Amino acid sequence: GGLVVVGLMLVKVGQWVWSHWWVLVVLGLLALLA
């Protein structure tokens, strides 16, 4: 049950990241600056 819940959460996070790809770009730039 825990694995199913974690899997569903990963799918939802993946969907959010796919639709908000620019957040990853900004985080990447901030990481490079740091």
PDB file of all heavy atoms in Angstrom:
ATOM      1  N   GLY A   1       0.821  -1.212   0.000  1.00  0.00           N
ATOM      2  CA  GLY A   1       0.000   0.000   0.000  1.00  0.00           C
ATOM      3  C   GLY A   1       0.853   1.260   0.000  1.00  0.00           C
ATOM      4  O   GLY A   1       0.566   2.220  -0.706  1.00  0.00           O
ATOM      5  N   GLY A   2       1.921   1.227   0.784  1.00  0.00           N
ATOM      6  CA  GLY A   2       2.838   2.370   0.810  1.00  0.00           C
ATOM      7  C   GLY A   2       3.500   2.592  -0.539  1.00  0.00           C
ATOM      8  O   GLY A   2       3.641   3.731  -0.990  1.00  0.00           O
ATOM      9  N   LEU A   3       3.888   1.504  -1.196  1.00  0.00           N
ATOM     10  CA  LEU A   3       4.495   1.633  -2.529  1.00  0.00           C
ATOM     11  C   LEU A   3       3.508   2.206  -3.535  1.00  0.00           C
ATOM     12  O   LEU A   3       3.892   3.021  -4.389  1.00  0.00           O
ATOM     13  CB  LEU A   3       5.009   0.276  -3.011  1.00  0.00           C
ATOM     14  CG  LEU A   3       6.302  -0.216  -2.378  1.00  0.00           C
ATOM     15  CD1 LEU A   3       6.609  -1.631  -2.853  1.00  0.00           C
ATOM     16  CD2 LEU A   3       7.442   0.719  -2.707  1.00  0.00           C
ATOM     17  N   VAL A   4       2.263   1.795  -3.449  1.00  0.00           N
ATOM     18  CA  VAL A   4       1.245   2.335  -4.360  1.00  0.00           C
ATOM     19  C   VAL A   4       1.072   3.828  -4.127  1.00  0.00           C
ATOM     20  O   VAL A   4       1.021   4.611  -5.088  1.00  0.00           O
ATOM     21  CB  VAL A   4      -0.092   1.576  -4.188  1.00  0.00           C
ATOM     22  CG1 VAL A   4      -1.219   2.292  -4.898  1.00  0.00           C
ATOM     23  CG2 VAL A   4       0.033   0.149  -4.699  1.00  0.00           C
ATOM     24  N   VAL A   5       1.007   4.237  -2.867  1.00  0.00           N
ATOM     25  CA  VAL A   5       0.836   5.662  -2.556  1.00  0.00           C
ATOM     26  C   VAL A   5       2.033   6.459  -3.060  1.00  0.00           C
ATOM     27  O   VAL A   5       1.875   7.519  -3.683  1.00  0.00           O
ATOM     28  CB  VAL A   5       0.631   5.864  -1.039  1.00  0.00           C
ATOM     29  CG1 VAL A   5       0.724   7.330  -0.658  1.00  0.00           C
ATOM     30  CG2 VAL A   5      -0.716   5.292  -0.613  1.00  0.00           C
ATOM     31  N   VAL A   6       3.242   5.964  -2.823  1.00  0.00           N
ATOM     32  CA  VAL A   6       4.446   6.664  -3.286  1.00  0.00           C
ATOM     33  C   VAL A   6       4.457   6.734  -4.812  1.00  0.00           C
ATOM     34  O   VAL A   6       4.795   7.771  -5.393  1.00  0.00           O
ATOM     35  CB  VAL A   6       5.719   5.970  -2.748  1.00  0.00           C
ATOM     36  CG1 VAL A   6       6.962   6.481  -3.442  1.00  0.00           C
ATOM     37  CG2 VAL A   6       5.822   6.165  -1.247  1.00  0.00           C
ATOM     38  N   GLY A   7       4.073   5.656  -5.470  1.00  0.00           N
ATOM     39  CA  GLY A   7       4.025   5.656  -6.933  1.00  0.00           C
ATOM     40  C   GLY A   7       3.049   6.683  -7.471  1.00  0.00           C
ATOM     41  O   GLY A   7       3.354   7.411  -8.417  1.00  0.00           O
ATOM     42  N   LEU A   8       1.872   6.757  -6.861  1.00  0.00           N
ATOM     43  CA  LEU A   8       0.882   7.752  -7.298  1.00  0.00           C
ATOM     44  C   LEU A   8       1.385   9.170  -7.074  1.00  0.00           C
ATOM     45  O   LEU A   8       1.167  10.058  -7.912  1.00  0.00           O
ATOM     46  CB  LEU A   8      -0.448   7.536  -6.569  1.00  0.00           C
ATOM     47  CG  LEU A   8      -1.217   6.279  -6.963  1.00  0.00           C
ATOM     48  CD1 LEU A   8      -2.416   6.083  -6.044  1.00  0.00           C
ATOM     49  CD2 LEU A   8      -1.662   6.352  -8.415  1.00  0.00           C
ATOM     50  N   MET A   9       2.064   9.389  -5.950  1.00  0.00           N
ATOM     51  CA  MET A   9       2.609  10.723  -5.682  1.00  0.00           C
ATOM     52  C   MET A   9       3.678  11.084  -6.713  1.00  0.00           C
ATOM     53  O   MET A   9       3.735  12.224  -7.181  1.00  0.00           O
ATOM     54  CB  MET A   9       3.178  10.797  -4.268  1.00  0.00           C
ATOM     55  CG  MET A   9       2.112  10.795  -3.194  1.00  0.00           C
ATOM     56  SD  MET A   9       2.769  10.737  -1.525  1.00  0.00           S
ATOM     57  CE  MET A   9       3.674  12.263  -1.458  1.00  0.00           C
ATOM     58  N   LEU A  10       4.527  10.115  -7.073  1.00  0.00           N
ATOM     59  CA  LEU A  10       5.556  10.383  -8.079  1.00  0.00           C
ATOM     60  C   LEU A  10       4.940  10.712  -9.434  1.00  0.00           C
ATOM     61  O   LEU A  10       5.432  11.588 -10.154  1.00  0.00           O
ATOM     62  CB  LEU A  10       6.497   9.192  -8.212  1.00  0.00           C
ATOM     63  CG  LEU A  10       7.498   9.005  -7.074  1.00  0.00           C
ATOM     64  CD1 LEU A  10       8.265   7.712  -7.255  1.00  0.00           C
ATOM     65  CD2 LEU A  10       8.440  10.184  -6.982  1.00  0.00           C
ATOM     66  N   VAL A  11       3.849  10.042  -9.787  1.00  0.00           N
ATOM     67  CA  VAL A  11       3.169  10.341 -11.045  1.00  0.00           C
ATOM     68  C   VAL A  11       2.625  11.758 -11.020  1.00  0.00           C
ATOM     69  O   VAL A  11       2.781  12.518 -11.988  1.00  0.00           O
ATOM     70  CB  VAL A  11       2.046   9.310 -11.313  1.00  0.00           C
ATOM     71  CG1 VAL A  11       1.136   9.782 -12.431  1.00  0.00           C
ATOM     72  CG2 VAL A  11       2.643   7.955 -11.643  1.00  0.00           C
ATOM     73  N   LYS A  12       1.993  12.143  -9.905  1.00  0.00           N
ATOM     74  CA  LYS A  12       1.438  13.501  -9.807  1.00  0.00           C
ATOM     75  C   LYS A  12       2.536  14.555  -9.857  1.00  0.00           C
ATOM     76  O   LYS A  12       2.396  15.584 -10.525  1.00  0.00           O
ATOM     77  CB  LYS A  12       0.627  13.648  -8.509  1.00  0.00           C
ATOM     78  CG  LYS A  12      -0.689  12.954  -8.557  1.00  0.00           C
ATOM     79  CD  LYS A  12      -1.574  13.597  -9.598  1.00  0.00           C
ATOM     80  CE  LYS A  12      -2.928  12.965  -9.648  1.00  0.00           C
ATOM     81  NZ  LYS A  12      -3.744  13.471 -10.740  1.00  0.00           N
ATOM     82  N   VAL A  13       3.642  14.310  -9.160  1.00  0.00           N
ATOM     83  CA  VAL A  13       4.764  15.263  -9.189  1.00  0.00           C
ATOM     84  C   VAL A  13       5.323  15.352 -10.599  1.00  0.00           C
ATOM     85  O   VAL A  13       5.632  16.438 -11.093  1.00  0.00           O
ATOM     86  CB  VAL A  13       5.849  14.856  -8.170  1.00  0.00           C
ATOM     87  CG1 VAL A  13       7.128  15.641  -8.380  1.00  0.00           C
ATOM     88  CG2 VAL A  13       5.338  15.044  -6.750  1.00  0.00           C
ATOM     89  N   GLY A  14       5.448  14.206 -11.263  1.00  0.00           N
ATOM     90  CA  GLY A  14       5.941  14.205 -12.633  1.00  0.00           C
ATOM     91  C   GLY A  14       5.040  14.984 -13.570  1.00  0.00           C
ATOM     92  O   GLY A  14       5.512  15.726 -14.438  1.00  0.00           O
ATOM     93  N   GLN A  15       3.737  14.847 -13.400  1.00  0.00           N
ATOM     94  CA  GLN A  15       2.793  15.609 -14.226  1.00  0.00           C
ATOM     95  C   GLN A  15       2.942  17.110 -13.965  1.00  0.00           C
ATOM     96  O   GLN A  15       2.906  17.922 -14.895  1.00  0.00           O
ATOM     97  CB  GLN A  15       1.363  15.165 -13.937  1.00  0.00           C
ATOM     98  CG  GLN A  15       1.037  13.805 -14.462  1.00  0.00           C
ATOM     99  CD  GLN A  15      -0.333  13.315 -14.006  1.00  0.00           C
ATOM    100  OE1 GLN A  15      -0.929  13.875 -13.080  1.00  0.00           O
ATOM    101  NE2 GLN A  15      -0.819  12.261 -14.639  1.00  0.00           N
ATOM    102  N   TRP A  16       3.101  17.474 -12.687  1.00  0.00           N
ATOM    103  CA  TRP A  16       3.237  18.896 -12.360  1.00  0.00           C
ATOM    104  C   TRP A  16       4.526  19.451 -12.959  1.00  0.00           C
ATOM    105  O   TRP A  16       4.536  20.539 -13.532  1.00  0.00           O
ATOM    106  CB  TRP A  16       3.235  19.100 -10.851  1.00  0.00           C
ATOM    107  CG  TRP A  16       3.258  20.542 -10.478  1.00  0.00           C
ATOM    108  CD1 TRP A  16       2.190  21.356 -10.340  1.00  0.00           C
ATOM    109  CD2 TRP A  16       4.419  21.348 -10.227  1.00  0.00           C
ATOM    110  NE1 TRP A  16       2.610  22.617 -10.012  1.00  0.00           N
ATOM    111  CE2 TRP A  16       3.964  22.646  -9.941  1.00  0.00           C
ATOM    112  CE3 TRP A  16       5.782  21.085 -10.225  1.00  0.00           C
ATOM    113  CZ2 TRP A  16       4.838  23.679  -9.647  1.00  0.00           C
ATOM    114  CZ3 TRP A  16       6.651  22.118  -9.930  1.00  0.00           C
ATOM    115  CH2 TRP A  16       6.174  23.404  -9.646  1.00  0.00           C
ATOM    116  N   VAL A  17       5.626  18.700 -12.823  1.00  0.00           N
ATOM    117  CA  VAL A  17       6.916  19.161 -13.354  1.00  0.00           C
ATOM    118  C   VAL A  17       6.842  19.280 -14.873  1.00  0.00           C
ATOM    119  O   VAL A  17       7.383  20.219 -15.458  1.00  0.00           O
ATOM    120  CB  VAL A  17       8.051  18.216 -12.919  1.00  0.00           C
ATOM    121  CG1 VAL A  17       9.323  18.493 -13.691  1.00  0.00           C
ATOM    122  CG2 VAL A  17       8.296  18.354 -11.426  1.00  0.00           C
ATOM    123  N   TRP A  18       6.169  18.342 -15.532  1.00  0.00           N
ATOM    124  CA  TRP A  18       6.049  18.373 -16.988  1.00  0.00           C
ATOM    125  C   TRP A  18       5.315  19.629 -17.445  1.00  0.00           C
ATOM    126  O   TRP A  18       5.669  20.242 -18.446  1.00  0.00           O
ATOM    127  CB  TRP A  18       5.329  17.118 -17.473  1.00  0.00           C
ATOM    128  CG  TRP A  18       5.285  16.997 -18.953  1.00  0.00           C
ATOM    129  CD1 TRP A  18       4.221  17.225 -19.764  1.00  0.00           C
ATOM    130  CD2 TRP A  18       6.364  16.650 -19.821  1.00  0.00           C
ATOM    131  NE1 TRP A  18       4.563  17.032 -21.070  1.00  0.00           N
ATOM    132  CE2 TRP A  18       5.874  16.673 -21.138  1.00  0.00           C
ATOM    133  CE3 TRP A  18       7.691  16.311 -19.610  1.00  0.00           C
ATOM    134  CZ2 TRP A  18       6.664  16.376 -22.237  1.00  0.00           C
ATOM    135  CZ3 TRP A  18       8.478  16.012 -20.698  1.00  0.00           C
ATOM    136  CH2 TRP A  18       7.963  16.052 -21.995  1.00  0.00           C
ATOM    137  N   SER A  19       4.301  20.035 -16.694  1.00  0.00           N
ATOM    138  CA  SER A  19       3.541  21.221 -17.100  1.00  0.00           C
ATOM    139  C   SER A  19       4.182  22.519 -16.608  1.00  0.00           C
ATOM    140  O   SER A  19       3.821  23.595 -17.065  1.00  0.00           O
ATOM    141  CB  SER A  19       2.095  21.123 -16.615  1.00  0.00           C
ATOM    142  OG  SER A  19       2.040  21.061 -15.218  1.00  0.00           O
ATOM    143  N   HIS A  20       5.114  22.438 -15.652  1.00  0.00           N
ATOM    144  CA  HIS A  20       5.805  23.627 -15.140  1.00  0.00           C
ATOM    145  C   HIS A  20       7.317  23.449 -15.293  1.00  0.00           C
ATOM    146  O   HIS A  20       8.081  23.630 -14.346  1.00  0.00           O
ATOM    147  CB  HIS A  20       5.449  23.849 -13.667  1.00  0.00           C
ATOM    148  CG  HIS A  20       4.006  24.111 -13.423  1.00  0.00           C
ATOM    149  ND1 HIS A  20       3.107  23.099 -13.216  1.00  0.00           N
ATOM    150  CD2 HIS A  20       3.293  25.257 -13.371  1.00  0.00           C
ATOM    151  CE1 HIS A  20       1.911  23.603 -13.034  1.00  0.00           C
ATOM    152  NE2 HIS A  20       1.986  24.922 -13.133  1.00  0.00           N
ATOM    153  N   TRP A  21       7.764  23.128 -16.501  1.00  0.00           N
ATOM    154  CA  TRP A  21       9.172  22.835 -16.765  1.00  0.00           C
ATOM    155  C   TRP A  21      10.076  24.019 -16.450  1.00  0.00           C
ATOM    156  O   TRP A  21      11.237  23.849 -16.083  1.00  0.00           O
ATOM    157  CB  TRP A  21       9.367  22.415 -18.210  1.00  0.00           C
ATOM    158  CG  TRP A  21       8.874  23.442 -19.178  1.00  0.00           C
ATOM    159  CD1 TRP A  21       7.638  23.516 -19.714  1.00  0.00           C
ATOM    160  CD2 TRP A  21       9.598  24.568 -19.673  1.00  0.00           C
ATOM    161  NE1 TRP A  21       7.532  24.597 -20.531  1.00  0.00           N
ATOM    162  CE2 TRP A  21       8.728  25.283 -20.522  1.00  0.00           C
ATOM    163  CE3 TRP A  21      10.890  25.051 -19.491  1.00  0.00           C
ATOM    164  CZ2 TRP A  21       9.109  26.444 -21.176  1.00  0.00           C
ATOM    165  CZ3 TRP A  21      11.270  26.215 -20.143  1.00  0.00           C
ATOM    166  CH2 TRP A  21      10.383  26.886 -20.979  1.00  0.00           C
ATOM    167  N   TRP A  22       9.538  25.223 -16.561  1.00  0.00           N
ATOM    168  CA  TRP A  22      10.355  26.412 -16.349  1.00  0.00           C
ATOM    169  C   TRP A  22      10.850  26.500 -14.899  1.00  0.00           C
ATOM    170  O   TRP A  22      11.890  27.105 -14.632  1.00  0.00           O
ATOM    171  CB  TRP A  22       9.571  27.669 -16.717  1.00  0.00           C
ATOM    172  CG  TRP A  22       8.277  27.791 -15.968  1.00  0.00           C
ATOM    173  CD1 TRP A  22       7.059  27.304 -16.342  1.00  0.00           C
ATOM    174  CD2 TRP A  22       8.090  28.404 -14.694  1.00  0.00           C
ATOM    175  NE1 TRP A  22       6.133  27.573 -15.372  1.00  0.00           N
ATOM    176  CE2 TRP A  22       6.730  28.258 -14.361  1.00  0.00           C
ATOM    177  CE3 TRP A  22       8.934  29.064 -13.810  1.00  0.00           C
ATOM    178  CZ2 TRP A  22       6.200  28.739 -13.167  1.00  0.00           C
ATOM    179  CZ3 TRP A  22       8.406  29.558 -12.623  1.00  0.00           C
ATOM    180  CH2 TRP A  22       7.045  29.389 -12.313  1.00  0.00           C
ATOM    181  N   VAL A  23      10.138  25.874 -13.970  1.00  0.00           N
ATOM    182  CA  VAL A  23      10.590  25.877 -12.574  1.00  0.00           C
ATOM    183  C   VAL A  23      11.921  25.128 -12.465  1.00  0.00           C
ATOM    184  O   VAL A  23      12.832  25.566 -11.756  1.00  0.00           O
ATOM    185  CB  VAL A  23       9.520  25.242 -11.661  1.00  0.00           C
ATOM    186  CG1 VAL A  23      10.033  25.080 -10.234  1.00  0.00           C
ATOM    187  CG2 VAL A  23       8.239  26.061 -11.678  1.00  0.00           C
ATOM    188  N   LEU A  24      12.052  24.028 -13.203  1.00  0.00           N
ATOM    189  CA  LEU A  24      13.318  23.293 -13.194  1.00  0.00           C
ATOM    190  C   LEU A  24      14.449  24.115 -13.792  1.00  0.00           C
ATOM    191  O   LEU A  24      15.585  24.057 -13.316  1.00  0.00           O
ATOM    192  CB  LEU A  24      13.173  21.978 -13.961  1.00  0.00           C
ATOM    193  CG  LEU A  24      12.324  20.909 -13.300  1.00  0.00           C
ATOM    194  CD1 LEU A  24      12.247  19.678 -14.180  1.00  0.00           C
ATOM    195  CD2 LEU A  24      12.861  20.557 -11.940  1.00  0.00           C
ATOM    196  N   VAL A  25      14.142  24.887 -14.820  1.00  0.00           N
ATOM    197  CA  VAL A  25      15.164  25.740 -15.431  1.00  0.00           C
ATOM    198  C   VAL A  25      15.641  26.782 -14.424  1.00  0.00           C
ATOM    199  O   VAL A  25      16.851  27.002 -14.254  1.00  0.00           O
ATOM    200  CB  VAL A  25      14.621  26.405 -16.715  1.00  0.00           C
ATOM    201  CG1 VAL A  25      15.601  27.436 -17.240  1.00  0.00           C
ATOM    202  CG2 VAL A  25      14.318  25.355 -17.771  1.00  0.00           C
ATOM    203  N   VAL A  26      14.712  27.422 -13.725  1.00  0.00           N
ATOM    204  CA  VAL A  26      15.071  28.434 -12.727  1.00  0.00           C
ATOM    205  C   VAL A  26      15.877  27.806 -11.598  1.00  0.00           C
ATOM    206  O   VAL A  26      16.909  28.351 -11.167  1.00  0.00           O
ATOM    207  CB  VAL A  26      13.804  29.133 -12.185  1.00  0.00           C
ATOM    208  CG1 VAL A  26      14.122  30.006 -10.987  1.00  0.00           C
ATOM    209  CG2 VAL A  26      13.143  29.950 -13.277  1.00  0.00           C
ATOM    210  N   LEU A  27      15.448  26.642 -11.116  1.00  0.00           N
ATOM    211  CA  LEU A  27      16.194  25.966 -10.050  1.00  0.00           C
ATOM    212  C   LEU A  27      17.589  25.568 -10.522  1.00  0.00           C
ATOM    213  O   LEU A  27      18.562  25.656  -9.758  1.00  0.00           O
ATOM    214  CB  LEU A  27      15.427  24.734  -9.567  1.00  0.00           C
ATOM    215  CG  LEU A  27      14.168  25.012  -8.754  1.00  0.00           C
ATOM    216  CD1 LEU A  27      13.441  23.710  -8.446  1.00  0.00           C
ATOM    217  CD2 LEU A  27      14.485  25.774  -7.483  1.00  0.00           C
ATOM    218  N   GLY A  28      17.709  25.131 -11.764  1.00  0.00           N
ATOM    219  CA  GLY A  28      19.016  24.799 -12.313  1.00  0.00           C
ATOM    220  C   GLY A  28      19.936  26.000 -12.376  1.00  0.00           C
ATOM    221  O   GLY A  28      21.128  25.905 -12.042  1.00  0.00           O
ATOM    222  N   LEU A  29      19.394  27.142 -12.800  1.00  0.00           N
ATOM    223  CA  LEU A  29      20.211  28.364 -12.852  1.00  0.00           C
ATOM    224  C   LEU A  29      20.644  28.802 -11.453  1.00  0.00           C
ATOM    225  O   LEU A  29      21.794  29.220 -11.250  1.00  0.00           O
ATOM    226  CB  LEU A  29      19.427  29.482 -13.548  1.00  0.00           C
ATOM    227  CG  LEU A  29      19.233  29.299 -15.053  1.00  0.00           C
ATOM    228  CD1 LEU A  29      18.314  30.390 -15.597  1.00  0.00           C
ATOM    229  CD2 LEU A  29      20.561  29.309 -15.777  1.00  0.00           C
ATOM    230  N   LEU A  30      19.740  28.696 -10.498  1.00  0.00           N
ATOM    231  CA  LEU A  30      20.101  29.048  -9.118  1.00  0.00           C
ATOM    232  C   LEU A  30      21.175  28.107  -8.578  1.00  0.00           C
ATOM    233  O   LEU A  30      22.097  28.548  -7.883  1.00  0.00           O
ATOM    234  CB  LEU A  30      18.869  29.014  -8.220  1.00  0.00           C
ATOM    235  CG  LEU A  30      17.853  30.131  -8.436  1.00  0.00           C
ATOM    236  CD1 LEU A  30      16.605  29.886  -7.591  1.00  0.00           C
ATOM    237  CD2 LEU A  30      18.466  31.483  -8.104  1.00  0.00           C
ATOM    238  N   ALA A  31      21.082  26.829  -8.911  1.00  0.00           N
ATOM    239  CA  ALA A  31      22.096  25.873  -8.477  1.00  0.00           C
ATOM    240  C   ALA A  31      23.452  26.197  -9.108  1.00  0.00           C
ATOM    241  O   ALA A  31      24.492  26.107  -8.442  1.00  0.00           O
ATOM    242  CB  ALA A  31      21.660  24.450  -8.832  1.00  0.00           C
ATOM    243  N   LEU A  32      23.451  26.586 -10.381  1.00  0.00           N
ATOM    244  CA  LEU A  32      24.702  26.967 -11.036  1.00  0.00           C
ATOM    245  C   LEU A  32      25.311  28.205 -10.396  1.00  0.00           C
ATOM    246  O   LEU A  32      26.537  28.287 -10.215  1.00  0.00           O
ATOM    247  CB  LEU A  32      24.468  27.201 -12.530  1.00  0.00           C
ATOM    248  CG  LEU A  32      24.350  25.953 -13.391  1.00  0.00           C
ATOM    249  CD1 LEU A  32      23.993  26.336 -14.825  1.00  0.00           C
ATOM    250  CD2 LEU A  32      25.640  25.159 -13.364  1.00  0.00           C
ATOM    251  N   LEU A  33      24.482  29.179 -10.062  1.00  0.00           N
ATOM    252  CA  LEU A  33      24.986  30.376  -9.383  1.00  0.00           C
ATOM    253  C   LEU A  33      25.575  30.033  -8.024  1.00  0.00           C
ATOM    254  O   LEU A  33      26.634  30.557  -7.640  1.00  0.00           O
ATOM    255  CB  LEU A  33      23.870  31.415  -9.229  1.00  0.00           C
ATOM    256  CG  LEU A  33      23.491  32.183 -10.485  1.00  0.00           C
ATOM    257  CD1 LEU A  33      22.249  33.037 -10.224  1.00  0.00           C
ATOM    258  CD2 LEU A  33      24.646  33.058 -10.934  1.00  0.00           C
ATOM    259  N   ALA A  34      24.910  29.169  -7.284  1.00  0.00           N
ATOM    260  CA  ALA A  34      25.418  28.760  -5.974  1.00  0.00           C
ATOM    261  C   ALA A  34      26.744  28.011  -6.124  1.00  0.00           C
ATOM    262  O   ALA A  34      27.686  28.236  -5.359  1.00  0.00           O
ATOM    263  CB  ALA A  34      24.385  27.883  -5.267  1.00  0.00           C
TER     264      ALA A  34
END
